[in-house]
């Protein structure tokens, strides 16, 4: 009976050791997988951050270009408004000169008729 019990004990001990070894192997495998997932996550986060940084840089360049274009257009509009004012003034002067010329012509015609 004792020998049978000892044999069963030895068998159970071997089974326990096998199960413990399997558990250790599984634990090592899971730790390795976790480490791989962490590495992949860090790489994905880095790529995402790099993409965001590049997108922000491009947006800043585009915004700067838009500001420069707006400033240029505002300058152009101001210069066009000044030109319009100048042309209005010239038109006014020409209209006054034309009125004076017509008046003088009218007076010349009157004096010629007499």
N, C-alpha and C. Protein backbone atom coordinates (compact mmCIF):
# COMPACT_ATOMS: atom_id res chain seq x y z
N UNK A 1 0.83 -1.20 0.00
CA UNK A 1 0.00 0.00 0.00
C UNK A 1 0.87 1.26 0.00
N UNK A 2 1.91 1.23 0.85
CA UNK A 2 2.81 2.37 0.94
C UNK A 2 3.51 2.60 -0.40
N UNK A 3 3.94 1.50 -1.01
CA UNK A 3 4.63 1.61 -2.27
C UNK A 3 3.70 2.18 -3.34
N UNK A 4 2.46 1.76 -3.36
CA UNK A 4 1.47 2.27 -4.31
C UNK A 4 1.25 3.75 -4.08
N UNK A 5 1.14 4.17 -2.83
CA UNK A 5 0.94 5.57 -2.48
C UNK A 5 2.15 6.40 -2.90
N UNK A 6 3.34 5.85 -2.66
CA UNK A 6 4.57 6.56 -3.05
C UNK A 6 4.64 6.70 -4.56
N UNK A 7 4.23 5.68 -5.26
CA UNK A 7 4.24 5.71 -6.72
C UNK A 7 3.25 6.76 -7.23
N UNK A 8 2.07 6.79 -6.61
CA UNK A 8 1.06 7.80 -6.98
C UNK A 8 1.58 9.20 -6.69
N UNK A 9 2.26 9.32 -5.54
CA UNK A 9 2.81 10.62 -5.16
C UNK A 9 3.84 11.08 -6.19
N UNK A 10 4.70 10.17 -6.59
CA UNK A 10 5.73 10.49 -7.60
C UNK A 10 5.07 10.88 -8.93
N UNK A 11 4.06 10.16 -9.30
CA UNK A 11 3.34 10.46 -10.54
C UNK A 11 2.69 11.83 -10.45
N UNK A 12 2.06 12.13 -9.33
CA UNK A 12 1.42 13.44 -9.13
C UNK A 12 2.46 14.55 -9.12
N UNK A 13 3.62 14.28 -8.53
CA UNK A 13 4.70 15.27 -8.50
C UNK A 13 5.18 15.57 -9.91
N UNK A 14 5.36 14.50 -10.73
CA UNK A 14 5.77 14.71 -12.12
C UNK A 14 4.70 15.48 -12.89
N UNK A 15 3.45 15.14 -12.67
CA UNK A 15 2.35 15.84 -13.34
C UNK A 15 2.34 17.31 -12.93
N UNK A 16 2.53 17.55 -11.61
CA UNK A 16 2.56 18.93 -11.11
C UNK A 16 3.71 19.71 -11.74
N UNK A 17 4.88 19.09 -11.84
CA UNK A 17 6.04 19.75 -12.45
C UNK A 17 5.77 20.06 -13.92
N UNK A 18 5.14 19.12 -14.63
CA UNK A 18 4.80 19.35 -16.03
C UNK A 18 3.84 20.53 -16.18
N UNK A 19 2.82 20.54 -15.32
CA UNK A 19 1.84 21.64 -15.37
C UNK A 19 2.53 22.96 -15.04
N UNK A 20 3.42 22.95 -14.04
CA UNK A 20 4.14 24.18 -13.68
C UNK A 20 5.03 24.65 -14.82
N UNK A 21 5.70 23.70 -15.48
CA UNK A 21 6.54 24.05 -16.63
C UNK A 21 5.69 24.65 -17.76
N UNK A 22 4.55 24.03 -18.03
CA UNK A 22 3.65 24.55 -19.06
C UNK A 22 3.16 25.96 -18.71
N UNK A 23 2.83 26.15 -17.43
CA UNK A 23 2.39 27.47 -16.99
C UNK A 23 3.49 28.51 -17.15
N UNK A 24 4.72 28.13 -16.80
CA UNK A 24 5.86 29.04 -16.95
C UNK A 24 6.09 29.38 -18.42
N UNK A 25 5.99 28.36 -19.28
CA UNK A 25 6.15 28.61 -20.71
C UNK A 25 5.04 29.55 -21.23
N UNK A 26 3.82 29.27 -20.80
CA UNK A 26 2.69 30.11 -21.22
C UNK A 26 2.87 31.54 -20.70
N UNK A 27 3.31 31.67 -19.45
CA UNK A 27 3.54 33.00 -18.88
C UNK A 27 4.63 33.74 -19.66
N UNK A 28 5.70 33.05 -20.01
CA UNK A 28 6.78 33.66 -20.79
C UNK A 28 6.26 34.09 -22.17
N UNK A 29 5.47 33.25 -22.79
CA UNK A 29 4.90 33.57 -24.11
C UNK A 29 3.99 34.80 -24.02
N UNK A 30 3.16 34.84 -22.98
CA UNK A 30 2.25 35.99 -22.81
C UNK A 30 3.05 37.26 -22.56
N UNK A 31 4.10 37.17 -21.73
CA UNK A 31 4.94 38.35 -21.47
C UNK A 31 5.61 38.83 -22.75
N UNK A 32 6.08 37.89 -23.57
CA UNK A 32 6.71 38.25 -24.84
C UNK A 32 5.69 38.93 -25.76
N UNK A 33 4.48 38.39 -25.83
CA UNK A 33 3.44 39.00 -26.66
C UNK A 33 3.08 40.40 -26.16
N UNK A 34 2.98 40.56 -24.84
CA UNK A 34 2.68 41.88 -24.27
C UNK A 34 3.78 42.86 -24.65
N UNK A 35 5.02 42.42 -24.54
CA UNK A 35 6.15 43.27 -24.90
C UNK A 35 6.08 43.67 -26.38
N UNK A 36 5.76 42.71 -27.25
CA UNK A 36 5.63 43.00 -28.69
C UNK A 36 4.51 44.00 -28.94
N UNK A 37 3.36 43.81 -28.26
CA UNK A 37 2.23 44.73 -28.44
C UNK A 37 2.58 46.14 -27.96
N UNK A 38 3.32 46.21 -26.84
CA UNK A 38 3.74 47.52 -26.33
C UNK A 38 4.66 48.21 -27.33
N UNK A 39 5.60 47.44 -27.90
CA UNK A 39 6.52 47.99 -28.90
C UNK A 39 5.74 48.49 -30.12
N UNK A 40 4.78 47.69 -30.58
CA UNK A 40 3.97 48.10 -31.74
C UNK A 40 3.14 49.33 -31.42
N UNK A 41 2.61 49.38 -30.21
CA UNK A 41 1.81 50.54 -29.80
C UNK A 41 2.68 51.80 -29.76
N UNK A 42 3.88 51.68 -29.19
CA UNK A 42 4.79 52.82 -29.14
C UNK A 42 5.16 53.29 -30.54
N UNK A 43 5.41 52.33 -31.44
CA UNK A 43 5.76 52.67 -32.82
C UNK A 43 4.58 53.38 -33.50
N UNK A 44 3.37 52.85 -33.30
CA UNK A 44 2.18 53.48 -33.90
C UNK A 44 1.97 54.88 -33.35
N UNK A 45 2.17 55.05 -32.04
CA UNK A 45 2.02 56.38 -31.43
C UNK A 45 3.07 57.34 -32.00
N UNK A 46 4.29 56.86 -32.19
CA UNK A 46 5.35 57.71 -32.75
C UNK A 46 5.00 58.11 -34.18
N UNK A 47 4.56 57.15 -34.98
CA UNK A 47 4.18 57.45 -36.37
C UNK A 47 3.02 58.45 -36.40
N UNK A 48 2.05 58.25 -35.50
CA UNK A 48 0.90 59.17 -35.43
C UNK A 48 1.37 60.56 -35.05
N UNK A 49 2.25 60.67 -34.06
CA UNK A 49 2.76 61.97 -33.63
C UNK A 49 3.56 62.63 -34.75
N UNK A 50 4.37 61.83 -35.46
CA UNK A 50 5.14 62.37 -36.59
C UNK A 50 4.20 62.91 -37.67
N UNK A 51 3.14 62.15 -37.95
CA UNK A 51 2.17 62.59 -38.96
C UNK A 51 1.48 63.88 -38.53
N UNK A 52 1.11 63.96 -37.24
CA UNK A 52 0.48 65.19 -36.73
C UNK A 52 1.43 66.37 -36.82
N UNK A 53 2.69 66.15 -36.46
CA UNK A 53 3.69 67.22 -36.51
C UNK A 53 3.85 67.71 -37.95
N UNK A 54 3.93 66.78 -38.89
CA UNK A 54 4.08 67.17 -40.30
C UNK A 54 2.84 67.90 -40.80
N UNK A 55 1.66 67.42 -40.42
CA UNK A 55 0.42 68.09 -40.83
C UNK A 55 0.36 69.50 -40.26
N UNK A 56 0.75 69.65 -39.00
CA UNK A 56 0.76 70.98 -38.39
C UNK A 56 1.75 71.90 -39.09
N UNK A 57 2.92 71.36 -39.44
CA UNK A 57 3.92 72.17 -40.14
C UNK A 57 3.38 72.65 -41.49
N UNK A 58 2.76 71.72 -42.22
CA UNK A 58 2.18 72.08 -43.53
C UNK A 58 1.08 73.12 -43.36
N UNK A 59 0.24 72.94 -42.34
CA UNK A 59 -0.84 73.91 -42.10
C UNK A 59 -0.28 75.29 -41.78
N UNK A 60 0.78 75.32 -40.97
CA UNK A 60 1.39 76.62 -40.62
C UNK A 60 1.95 77.31 -41.86
N UNK A 61 2.59 76.52 -42.73
CA UNK A 61 3.12 77.09 -43.98
C UNK A 61 1.98 77.63 -44.83
N UNK A 62 0.90 76.86 -44.93
CA UNK A 62 -0.25 77.28 -45.74
C UNK A 62 -0.92 78.52 -45.14
N UNK A 63 -1.03 78.56 -43.82
CA UNK A 63 -1.62 79.73 -43.16
C UNK A 63 -0.77 80.96 -43.41
N UNK A 64 0.54 80.79 -43.31
CA UNK A 64 1.44 81.92 -43.56
C UNK A 64 1.28 82.42 -44.99
N UNK A 65 1.21 81.50 -45.94
CA UNK A 65 1.03 81.88 -47.35
C UNK A 65 -0.30 82.62 -47.54
N UNK A 66 -1.35 82.15 -46.86
CA UNK A 66 -2.66 82.81 -46.97
C UNK A 66 -2.60 84.22 -46.38
N UNK A 67 -1.93 84.38 -45.24
CA UNK A 67 -1.78 85.71 -44.65
C UNK A 67 -1.04 86.65 -45.60
N UNK A 68 0.02 86.13 -46.21
CA UNK A 68 0.78 86.95 -47.14
C UNK A 68 -0.09 87.34 -48.34
N UNK A 69 -0.88 86.41 -48.83
CA UNK A 69 -1.76 86.71 -49.97
C UNK A 69 -2.81 87.74 -49.57
N UNK A 70 -3.37 87.60 -48.37
CA UNK A 70 -4.36 88.57 -47.88
C UNK A 70 -3.73 89.95 -47.79
N UNK A 71 -2.53 90.02 -47.22
CA UNK A 71 -1.84 91.32 -47.11
C UNK A 71 -1.59 91.91 -48.49
N UNK A 72 -1.17 91.08 -49.42
CA UNK A 72 -0.91 91.55 -50.78
C UNK A 72 -2.20 92.07 -51.43
N UNK A 73 -3.30 91.32 -51.25
CA UNK A 73 -4.58 91.75 -51.82
C UNK A 73 -5.07 93.04 -51.17
N UNK A 74 -4.89 93.16 -49.86
CA UNK A 74 -5.30 94.40 -49.18
C UNK A 74 -4.50 95.58 -49.71
N UNK A 75 -3.20 95.38 -49.92
CA UNK A 75 -2.37 96.44 -50.48
C UNK A 75 -2.85 96.80 -51.90
N UNK A 76 -3.14 95.78 -52.70
CA UNK A 76 -3.63 96.00 -54.06
C UNK A 76 -4.95 96.79 -54.04
N UNK A 77 -5.84 96.41 -53.15
CA UNK A 77 -7.14 97.10 -53.05
C UNK A 77 -6.93 98.56 -52.66
N UNK A 78 -6.04 98.81 -51.70
CA UNK A 78 -5.76 100.19 -51.29
C UNK A 78 -5.21 100.99 -52.47
N UNK A 79 -4.27 100.39 -53.22
CA UNK A 79 -3.70 101.12 -54.36
C UNK A 79 -4.75 101.35 -55.44
N UNK A 80 -5.64 100.39 -55.64
CA UNK A 80 -6.71 100.56 -56.63
C UNK A 80 -7.69 101.66 -56.19
N UNK A 81 -7.98 101.70 -54.90
CA UNK A 81 -8.87 102.76 -54.40
C UNK A 81 -8.23 104.13 -54.59
N UNK A 82 -6.92 104.23 -54.32
CA UNK A 82 -6.22 105.50 -54.55
C UNK A 82 -6.28 105.86 -56.03
N UNK A 83 -6.07 104.89 -56.90
CA UNK A 83 -6.13 105.14 -58.35
C UNK A 83 -7.53 105.60 -58.76
N UNK A 84 -8.57 104.97 -58.19
CA UNK A 84 -9.96 105.37 -58.49
C UNK A 84 -10.18 106.81 -58.06
N UNK A 85 -9.72 107.16 -56.87
CA UNK A 85 -9.87 108.54 -56.39
C UNK A 85 -9.13 109.52 -57.30
N UNK A 86 -7.94 109.12 -57.71
CA UNK A 86 -7.16 109.97 -58.62
C UNK A 86 -7.89 110.16 -59.95
N UNK A 87 -8.46 109.07 -60.48
CA UNK A 87 -9.19 109.15 -61.75
C UNK A 87 -10.46 109.99 -61.61
N UNK A 88 -11.14 109.87 -60.48
CA UNK A 88 -12.33 110.70 -60.24
C UNK A 88 -11.95 112.17 -60.22
N UNK A 89 -10.85 112.47 -59.55
CA UNK A 89 -10.38 113.85 -59.48
C UNK A 89 -10.03 114.37 -60.87
N UNK A 90 -9.33 113.55 -61.66
CA UNK A 90 -8.98 113.94 -63.03
C UNK A 90 -10.24 114.15 -63.87
N UNK A 91 -11.22 113.27 -63.69
CA UNK A 91 -12.48 113.39 -64.43
C UNK A 91 -13.16 114.71 -64.09
N UNK A 92 -13.18 115.01 -62.80
CA UNK A 92 -13.79 116.26 -62.34
C UNK A 92 -13.08 117.46 -62.98
N UNK A 93 -11.76 117.43 -62.96
CA UNK A 93 -10.98 118.52 -63.56
C UNK A 93 -11.27 118.63 -65.06
N UNK A 94 -11.31 117.46 -65.74
CA UNK A 94 -11.59 117.47 -67.18
C UNK A 94 -12.99 117.98 -67.47
N UNK A 95 -13.96 117.59 -66.65
CA UNK A 95 -15.33 118.08 -66.84
C UNK A 95 -15.38 119.60 -66.66
N UNK A 96 -14.68 120.10 -65.64
CA UNK A 96 -14.65 121.56 -65.42
C UNK A 96 -13.98 122.26 -66.60
N UNK A 97 -12.86 121.70 -67.08
CA UNK A 97 -12.17 122.29 -68.23
C UNK A 97 -13.07 122.27 -69.46
N UNK A 98 -13.81 121.15 -69.65
CA UNK A 98 -14.72 121.05 -70.79
C UNK A 98 -15.83 122.08 -70.69
N UNK A 99 -16.38 122.27 -69.50
CA UNK A 99 -17.43 123.27 -69.31
C UNK A 99 -16.90 124.66 -69.65
N UNK A 100 -15.69 124.96 -69.15
CA UNK A 100 -15.09 126.27 -69.42
C UNK A 100 -14.82 126.44 -70.92
N UNK A 101 -14.34 125.39 -71.56
CA UNK A 101 -14.07 125.46 -73.00
C UNK A 101 -15.36 125.66 -73.78
N UNK A 102 -16.41 124.94 -73.39
CA UNK A 102 -17.71 125.09 -74.06
C UNK A 102 -18.27 126.50 -73.86
N UNK A 103 -18.09 127.00 -72.65
CA UNK A 103 -18.55 128.35 -72.36
C UNK A 103 -17.79 129.37 -73.21
N UNK A 104 -16.46 129.18 -73.25
CA UNK A 104 -15.64 130.09 -74.07
C UNK A 104 -16.01 129.97 -75.54
N UNK A 105 -16.26 128.75 -76.00
CA UNK A 105 -16.67 128.53 -77.38
C UNK A 105 -18.00 129.22 -77.66
N UNK A 106 -18.89 129.08 -76.71
CA UNK A 106 -20.20 129.74 -76.86
C UNK A 106 -20.05 131.25 -76.96
N UNK A 107 -19.20 131.79 -76.11
CA UNK A 107 -18.99 133.25 -76.15
C UNK A 107 -18.33 133.66 -77.45
N UNK A 108 -17.38 132.86 -77.94
CA UNK A 108 -16.73 133.17 -79.22
C UNK A 108 -17.74 133.14 -80.36
N UNK A 109 -18.65 132.17 -80.32
CA UNK A 109 -19.64 132.07 -81.38
C UNK A 109 -20.58 133.31 -81.34
N UNK A 110 -20.95 133.70 -80.10
CA UNK A 110 -21.83 134.88 -79.96
C UNK A 110 -21.14 136.11 -80.52
N UNK A 111 -19.85 136.26 -80.16
CA UNK A 111 -19.14 137.46 -80.61
C UNK A 111 -18.88 137.41 -82.10
N UNK A 112 -18.75 136.22 -82.65
CA UNK A 112 -18.53 136.07 -84.09
C UNK A 112 -19.80 136.40 -84.85
N UNK A 113 -20.93 135.99 -84.29
CA UNK A 113 -22.22 136.24 -84.94
C UNK A 113 -22.47 137.75 -84.98
N UNK A 114 -22.08 138.51 -84.01
CA UNK A 114 -22.37 139.94 -83.92
C UNK A 114 -21.56 140.67 -84.87
